[in-house]
């Protein structure tokens, strides 16, 4: 993988989280594989490459890549508007979080506790999802900017769905942080669209 593809892998994680949030909000459903991939990405330390953060397989990120391609191509027939809005909001929230050492400290202290739960229950267990959702609520929900999730109120009002959405937003913002650490910038999404698409198509084909 070249540096741009490393960035796109992390950005695929942001968009996958956004797609999964949108599915839960609208249908009340999501895939356990997607949840496992994104919640697992919160807990990977010292990966050998960016793909290892997402289970080592591009297939895990396919839905995220598809939404990212739709955003970069700007084709109304493939553009997923709500996931794009959530993804951009997560990139914005990550910038706010980066300035808050106190919140980063809380996240850094709580993630090892969540790791212990994962080892006991597995990554997509309701206790793990609840712990990740609570961590989002105690940190990122306190920032001035909020992510407004739109969908069916019957789905959004279910506590288990609310926890999944918060947990996925936390994981998406972790991916946004990784993307920025790899040299990603929001202006790339506007100025370097063609270059990003050229690098992204092979990732999509391999997944």
C-alpha atoms as a PDB file:
ATOM      1  CA  UNK A   1       0.000   0.000   0.000  1.00  0.00           C
ATOM      2  CA  UNK A   2       1.226   3.495  -0.837  1.00  0.00           C
ATOM      3  CA  UNK A   3       0.679   6.447   1.570  1.00  0.00           C
ATOM      4  CA  UNK A   4      -2.471   7.619  -0.230  1.00  0.00           C
ATOM      5  CA  UNK A   5      -4.012   4.140  -0.032  1.00  0.00           C
ATOM      6  CA  UNK A   6      -3.165   4.012   3.677  1.00  0.00           C
ATOM      7  CA  UNK A   7      -5.097   7.274   4.096  1.00  0.00           C
ATOM      8  CA  UNK A   8      -8.001   5.935   2.030  1.00  0.00           C
ATOM      9  CA  UNK A   9      -8.179   2.808   4.184  1.00  0.00           C
ATOM     10  CA  UNK A  10      -8.634   4.963   7.304  1.00  0.00           C
ATOM     11  CA  UNK A  11     -11.134   7.178   5.472  1.00  0.00           C
ATOM     12  CA  UNK A  12     -12.969   4.009   4.423  1.00  0.00           C
ATOM     13  CA  UNK A  13     -13.326   3.306   8.152  1.00  0.00           C
ATOM     14  CA  UNK A  14     -14.915   6.729   8.692  1.00  0.00           C
ATOM     15  CA  UNK A  15     -17.389   6.126   5.874  1.00  0.00           C
ATOM     16  CA  UNK A  16     -18.143   2.561   7.006  1.00  0.00           C
ATOM     17  CA  UNK A  17     -19.085   3.885  10.451  1.00  0.00           C
ATOM     18  CA  UNK A  18     -21.283   6.502   8.749  1.00  0.00           C
ATOM     19  CA  UNK A  19     -23.046   3.894   6.564  1.00  0.00           C
ATOM     20  CA  UNK A  20     -23.700   1.628   9.548  1.00  0.00           C
ATOM     21  CA  UNK A  21     -25.086   4.528  11.619  1.00  0.00           C
ATOM     22  CA  UNK A  22     -27.429   5.404   8.747  1.00  0.00           C
ATOM     23  CA  UNK A  23     -28.632   1.778   8.469  1.00  0.00           C
ATOM     24  CA  UNK A  24     -29.388   1.510  12.174  1.00  0.00           C
ATOM     25  CA  UNK A  25     -31.203   4.857  12.163  1.00  0.00           C
ATOM     26  CA  UNK A  26     -33.363   3.955   9.168  1.00  0.00           C
ATOM     27  CA  UNK A  27     -33.895   0.196   9.561  1.00  0.00           C
ATOM     28  CA  UNK A  28     -32.844  -0.709  13.106  1.00  0.00           C
ATOM     29  CA  UNK A  29     -30.500  -3.310  11.595  1.00  0.00           C
ATOM     30  CA  UNK A  30     -26.774  -3.630  10.989  1.00  0.00           C
ATOM     31  CA  UNK A  31     -24.326  -6.415  10.277  1.00  0.00           C
ATOM     32  CA  UNK A  32     -22.384  -7.991  13.110  1.00  0.00           C
ATOM     33  CA  UNK A  33     -19.363  -8.091  10.785  1.00  0.00           C
ATOM     34  CA  UNK A  34     -19.483  -4.312  10.345  1.00  0.00           C
ATOM     35  CA  UNK A  35     -19.913  -3.707  14.061  1.00  0.00           C
ATOM     36  CA  UNK A  36     -17.082  -6.112  14.878  1.00  0.00           C
ATOM     37  CA  UNK A  37     -14.776  -4.443  12.349  1.00  0.00           C
ATOM     38  CA  UNK A  38     -15.414  -0.917  13.614  1.00  0.00           C
ATOM     39  CA  UNK A  39     -15.445  -1.658  17.362  1.00  0.00           C
ATOM     40  CA  UNK A  40     -12.331  -3.781  16.933  1.00  0.00           C
ATOM     41  CA  UNK A  41     -10.603  -0.813  15.258  1.00  0.00           C
ATOM     42  CA  UNK A  42     -10.844   1.130  18.533  1.00  0.00           C
ATOM     43  CA  UNK A  43      -8.580  -1.341  20.290  1.00  0.00           C
ATOM     44  CA  UNK A  44      -5.754  -2.063  17.822  1.00  0.00           C
ATOM     45  CA  UNK A  45      -2.413  -0.782  19.074  1.00  0.00           C
ATOM     46  CA  UNK A  46       0.759  -0.653  16.946  1.00  0.00           C
ATOM     47  CA  UNK A  47      -0.667  -2.183  13.745  1.00  0.00           C
ATOM     48  CA  UNK A  48       1.837  -3.216  11.067  1.00  0.00           C
ATOM     49  CA  UNK A  49      -0.238  -1.289   8.514  1.00  0.00           C
ATOM     50  CA  UNK A  50      -3.529   0.597   8.374  1.00  0.00           C
ATOM     51  CA  UNK A  51      -5.518  -2.357   7.030  1.00  0.00           C
ATOM     52  CA  UNK A  52      -4.678  -4.380  10.153  1.00  0.00           C
ATOM     53  CA  UNK A  53      -6.739  -1.866  12.155  1.00  0.00           C
ATOM     54  CA  UNK A  54      -9.804  -3.155  10.256  1.00  0.00           C
ATOM     55  CA  UNK A  55      -9.122  -6.881  10.556  1.00  0.00           C
ATOM     56  CA  UNK A  56      -6.525  -7.084   7.784  1.00  0.00           C
ATOM     57  CA  UNK A  57      -9.056  -7.462   4.970  1.00  0.00           C
ATOM     58  CA  UNK A  58     -10.333  -4.841   2.497  1.00  0.00           C
ATOM     59  CA  UNK A  59     -13.596  -6.797   2.312  1.00  0.00           C
ATOM     60  CA  UNK A  60     -14.482  -5.468   5.783  1.00  0.00           C
ATOM     61  CA  UNK A  61     -14.402  -1.917   4.399  1.00  0.00           C
ATOM     62  CA  UNK A  62     -16.296  -2.518   1.140  1.00  0.00           C
ATOM     63  CA  UNK A  63     -19.417  -0.567   2.191  1.00  0.00           C
ATOM     64  CA  UNK A  64     -17.263   2.321   3.387  1.00  0.00           C
ATOM     65  CA  UNK A  65     -15.283   2.412   0.146  1.00  0.00           C
ATOM     66  CA  UNK A  66     -18.514   2.365  -1.873  1.00  0.00           C
ATOM     67  CA  UNK A  67     -19.888   5.371   0.039  1.00  0.00           C
ATOM     68  CA  UNK A  68     -16.543   7.188  -0.280  1.00  0.00           C
ATOM     69  CA  UNK A  69     -16.455   6.580  -4.058  1.00  0.00           C
ATOM     70  CA  UNK A  70     -20.007   7.935  -4.326  1.00  0.00           C
ATOM     71  CA  UNK A  71     -18.961  11.071  -2.428  1.00  0.00           C
ATOM     72  CA  UNK A  72     -15.853  11.644  -4.578  1.00  0.00           C
ATOM     73  CA  UNK A  73     -17.594  10.939  -7.894  1.00  0.00           C
ATOM     74  CA  UNK A  74     -20.446  13.321  -6.975  1.00  0.00           C
ATOM     75  CA  UNK A  75     -22.865  11.194  -8.993  1.00  0.00           C
ATOM     76  CA  UNK A  76     -26.399  11.815  -7.657  1.00  0.00           C
ATOM     77  CA  UNK A  77     -27.335   8.185  -8.392  1.00  0.00           C
ATOM     78  CA  UNK A  78     -24.621   6.756  -6.105  1.00  0.00           C
ATOM     79  CA  UNK A  79     -24.153   9.563  -3.570  1.00  0.00           C
ATOM     80  CA  UNK A  80     -25.211   8.455  -0.077  1.00  0.00           C
ATOM     81  CA  UNK A  81     -26.156  11.825   1.378  1.00  0.00           C
ATOM     82  CA  UNK A  82     -26.679  10.990   5.055  1.00  0.00           C
ATOM     83  CA  UNK A  83     -23.501   8.862   5.371  1.00  0.00           C
ATOM     84  CA  UNK A  84     -21.540  11.679   3.693  1.00  0.00           C
ATOM     85  CA  UNK A  85     -22.969  14.171   6.182  1.00  0.00           C
ATOM     86  CA  UNK A  86     -22.091  11.912   9.116  1.00  0.00           C
ATOM     87  CA  UNK A  87     -18.579  11.288   7.763  1.00  0.00           C
ATOM     88  CA  UNK A  88     -17.852  15.010   7.362  1.00  0.00           C
ATOM     89  CA  UNK A  89     -19.269  15.670  10.834  1.00  0.00           C
ATOM     90  CA  UNK A  90     -16.950  12.999  12.297  1.00  0.00           C
ATOM     91  CA  UNK A  91     -13.941  14.615  10.596  1.00  0.00           C
ATOM     92  CA  UNK A  92     -14.994  17.932  12.144  1.00  0.00           C
ATOM     93  CA  UNK A  93     -15.495  16.446  15.609  1.00  0.00           C
ATOM     94  CA  UNK A  94     -12.065  14.819  15.462  1.00  0.00           C
ATOM     95  CA  UNK A  95     -10.500  18.245  14.942  1.00  0.00           C
ATOM     96  CA  UNK A  96     -12.284  19.510  18.071  1.00  0.00           C
ATOM     97  CA  UNK A  97     -11.283  16.421  20.050  1.00  0.00           C
ATOM     98  CA  UNK A  98      -7.624  16.877  19.083  1.00  0.00           C
ATOM     99  CA  UNK A  99      -7.609  20.152  21.060  1.00  0.00           C
ATOM    100  CA  UNK A 100      -9.032  18.551  24.215  1.00  0.00           C
ATOM    101  CA  UNK A 101      -6.302  16.726  26.108  1.00  0.00           C
ATOM    102  CA  UNK A 102      -8.708  16.112  28.990  1.00  0.00           C
ATOM    103  CA  UNK A 103     -11.124  14.151  26.789  1.00  0.00           C
ATOM    104  CA  UNK A 104      -8.288  12.282  25.059  1.00  0.00           C
ATOM    105  CA  UNK A 105      -7.043  11.310  28.519  1.00  0.00           C
ATOM    106  CA  UNK A 106     -10.472   9.891  29.469  1.00  0.00           C
ATOM    107  CA  UNK A 107     -10.625   7.910  26.213  1.00  0.00           C
ATOM    108  CA  UNK A 108      -7.085   6.630  26.719  1.00  0.00           C
ATOM    109  CA  UNK A 109      -7.927   5.401  30.223  1.00  0.00           C
ATOM    110  CA  UNK A 110     -11.263   3.797  29.341  1.00  0.00           C
ATOM    111  CA  UNK A 111     -10.248   1.909  26.193  1.00  0.00           C
ATOM    112  CA  UNK A 112      -8.131  -0.662  28.118  1.00  0.00           C
ATOM    113  CA  UNK A 113     -11.191  -1.379  30.290  1.00  0.00           C
ATOM    114  CA  UNK A 114     -13.221  -1.952  27.115  1.00  0.00           C
ATOM    115  CA  UNK A 115     -10.416  -4.190  25.826  1.00  0.00           C
ATOM    116  CA  UNK A 116     -10.868  -6.365  28.919  1.00  0.00           C
ATOM    117  CA  UNK A 117     -14.590  -6.642  28.185  1.00  0.00           C
ATOM    118  CA  UNK A 118     -13.855  -7.615  24.574  1.00  0.00           C
ATOM    119  CA  UNK A 119     -11.540 -10.382  25.756  1.00  0.00           C
ATOM    120  CA  UNK A 120     -14.295 -11.665  28.025  1.00  0.00           C
ATOM    121  CA  UNK A 121     -17.426 -11.182  25.886  1.00  0.00           C
ATOM    122  CA  UNK A 122     -16.263 -10.605  22.266  1.00  0.00           C
ATOM    123  CA  UNK A 123     -16.198  -7.340  20.271  1.00  0.00           C
ATOM    124  CA  UNK A 124     -19.882  -7.066  19.292  1.00  0.00           C
ATOM    125  CA  UNK A 125     -21.354  -8.024  22.690  1.00  0.00           C
ATOM    126  CA  UNK A 126     -24.007  -5.679  24.101  1.00  0.00           C
ATOM    127  CA  UNK A 127     -21.816  -4.889  27.147  1.00  0.00           C
ATOM    128  CA  UNK A 128     -18.952  -3.778  24.881  1.00  0.00           C
ATOM    129  CA  UNK A 129     -21.312  -1.730  22.690  1.00  0.00           C
ATOM    130  CA  UNK A 130     -22.805  -0.083  25.799  1.00  0.00           C
ATOM    131  CA  UNK A 131     -19.333   0.740  27.170  1.00  0.00           C
ATOM    132  CA  UNK A 132     -18.240   2.300  23.849  1.00  0.00           C
ATOM    133  CA  UNK A 133     -21.511   4.228  23.609  1.00  0.00           C
ATOM    134  CA  UNK A 134     -21.090   5.532  27.160  1.00  0.00           C
ATOM    135  CA  UNK A 135     -17.518   6.609  26.384  1.00  0.00           C
ATOM    136  CA  UNK A 136     -18.773   8.596  23.379  1.00  0.00           C
ATOM    137  CA  UNK A 137     -21.491  10.169  25.534  1.00  0.00           C
ATOM    138  CA  UNK A 138     -19.029  11.146  28.279  1.00  0.00           C
ATOM    139  CA  UNK A 139     -16.513  12.710  25.885  1.00  0.00           C
ATOM    140  CA  UNK A 140     -17.521  13.626  22.338  1.00  0.00           C
ATOM    141  CA  UNK A 141     -21.144  14.380  23.260  1.00  0.00           C
ATOM    142  CA  UNK A 142     -19.878  17.157  25.521  1.00  0.00           C
ATOM    143  CA  UNK A 143     -18.320  19.086  22.609  1.00  0.00           C
ATOM    144  CA  UNK A 144     -20.118  22.073  21.134  1.00  0.00           C
ATOM    145  CA  UNK A 145     -20.633  20.409  17.758  1.00  0.00           C
ATOM    146  CA  UNK A 146     -23.109  17.533  17.773  1.00  0.00           C
ATOM    147  CA  UNK A 147     -23.904  14.933  15.134  1.00  0.00           C
ATOM    148  CA  UNK A 148     -27.623  14.922  14.432  1.00  0.00           C
ATOM    149  CA  UNK A 149     -28.662  11.427  13.314  1.00  0.00           C
ATOM    150  CA  UNK A 150     -31.812  11.238  11.186  1.00  0.00           C
ATOM    151  CA  UNK A 151     -33.984   8.151  10.802  1.00  0.00           C
ATOM    152  CA  UNK A 152     -37.050   6.354  12.095  1.00  0.00           C
ATOM    153  CA  UNK A 153     -37.734   7.511  15.654  1.00  0.00           C
ATOM    154  CA  UNK A 154     -38.842   3.982  16.593  1.00  0.00           C
ATOM    155  CA  UNK A 155     -35.301   2.827  15.841  1.00  0.00           C
ATOM    156  CA  UNK A 156     -33.515   5.821  17.331  1.00  0.00           C
ATOM    157  CA  UNK A 157     -35.399   5.595  20.634  1.00  0.00           C
ATOM    158  CA  UNK A 158     -34.358   1.991  21.309  1.00  0.00           C
ATOM    159  CA  UNK A 159     -31.514   2.109  23.887  1.00  0.00           C
ATOM    160  CA  UNK A 160     -29.584  -0.703  22.165  1.00  0.00           C
ATOM    161  CA  UNK A 161     -29.668   1.149  18.827  1.00  0.00           C
ATOM    162  CA  UNK A 162     -28.659   4.422  20.488  1.00  0.00           C
ATOM    163  CA  UNK A 163     -25.655   2.642  22.047  1.00  0.00           C
ATOM    164  CA  UNK A 164     -24.668   1.132  18.697  1.00  0.00           C
ATOM    165  CA  UNK A 165     -24.868   4.505  16.980  1.00  0.00           C
ATOM    166  CA  UNK A 166     -22.720   6.205  19.640  1.00  0.00           C
ATOM    167  CA  UNK A 167     -20.212   3.319  19.598  1.00  0.00           C
ATOM    168  CA  UNK A 168     -19.936   3.536  15.803  1.00  0.00           C
ATOM    169  CA  UNK A 169     -19.488   7.310  15.910  1.00  0.00           C
ATOM    170  CA  UNK A 170     -16.673   6.835  18.447  1.00  0.00           C
ATOM    171  CA  UNK A 171     -15.025   4.288  16.141  1.00  0.00           C
ATOM    172  CA  UNK A 172     -15.540   6.547  13.120  1.00  0.00           C
ATOM    173  CA  UNK A 173     -13.834   9.431  14.902  1.00  0.00           C
ATOM    174  CA  UNK A 174     -10.959   7.098  15.825  1.00  0.00           C
ATOM    175  CA  UNK A 175     -10.638   6.381  12.074  1.00  0.00           C
ATOM    176  CA  UNK A 176     -10.749  10.125  11.360  1.00  0.00           C
ATOM    177  CA  UNK A 177      -7.888  10.612  13.817  1.00  0.00           C
ATOM    178  CA  UNK A 178      -5.914   7.855  12.106  1.00  0.00           C
ATOM    179  CA  UNK A 179      -6.602   9.416   8.695  1.00  0.00           C
ATOM    180  CA  UNK A 180      -5.270  12.756   9.889  1.00  0.00           C
ATOM    181  CA  UNK A 181      -2.213  11.106  11.496  1.00  0.00           C
ATOM    182  CA  UNK A 182      -1.484   9.531   8.102  1.00  0.00           C
ATOM    183  CA  UNK A 183      -1.478  12.994   6.499  1.00  0.00           C
ATOM    184  CA  UNK A 184      -5.128  13.270   5.465  1.00  0.00           C
ATOM    185  CA  UNK A 185      -6.696  16.726   5.050  1.00  0.00           C
ATOM    186  CA  UNK A 186     -10.253  17.706   4.210  1.00  0.00           C
ATOM    187  CA  UNK A 187      -9.147  19.829   1.243  1.00  0.00           C
ATOM    188  CA  UNK A 188      -7.949  16.602  -0.436  1.00  0.00           C
ATOM    189  CA  UNK A 189     -11.573  15.557  -0.793  1.00  0.00           C
ATOM    190  CA  UNK A 190     -12.151  18.600  -3.001  1.00  0.00           C
ATOM    191  CA  UNK A 191      -8.821  19.290  -4.725  1.00  0.00           C
ATOM    192  CA  UNK A 192      -7.508  15.730  -5.155  1.00  0.00           C
ATOM    193  CA  UNK A 193     -10.739  13.901  -5.991  1.00  0.00           C
ATOM    194  CA  UNK A 194      -9.442  12.303  -9.208  1.00  0.00           C
ATOM    195  CA  UNK A 195      -6.193  11.166  -7.611  1.00  0.00           C
ATOM    196  CA  UNK A 196      -8.062   9.665  -4.653  1.00  0.00           C
ATOM    197  CA  UNK A 197     -10.495   7.836  -6.944  1.00  0.00           C
ATOM    198  CA  UNK A 198      -7.601   6.431  -9.003  1.00  0.00           C
ATOM    199  CA  UNK A 199      -6.084   4.966  -5.820  1.00  0.00           C
ATOM    200  CA  UNK A 200      -9.450   3.887  -4.413  1.00  0.00           C
ATOM    201  CA  UNK A 201     -10.742   1.807  -7.332  1.00  0.00           C
ATOM    202  CA  UNK A 202      -8.072  -0.927  -6.875  1.00  0.00           C
ATOM    203  CA  UNK A 203      -8.900  -1.128  -3.146  1.00  0.00           C
ATOM    204  CA  UNK A 204     -12.564  -1.583  -3.984  1.00  0.00           C
ATOM    205  CA  UNK A 205     -11.782  -4.287  -6.563  1.00  0.00           C
ATOM    206  CA  UNK A 206      -9.609  -6.186  -4.092  1.00  0.00           C
ATOM    207  CA  UNK A 207     -12.375  -6.176  -1.470  1.00  0.00           C
END
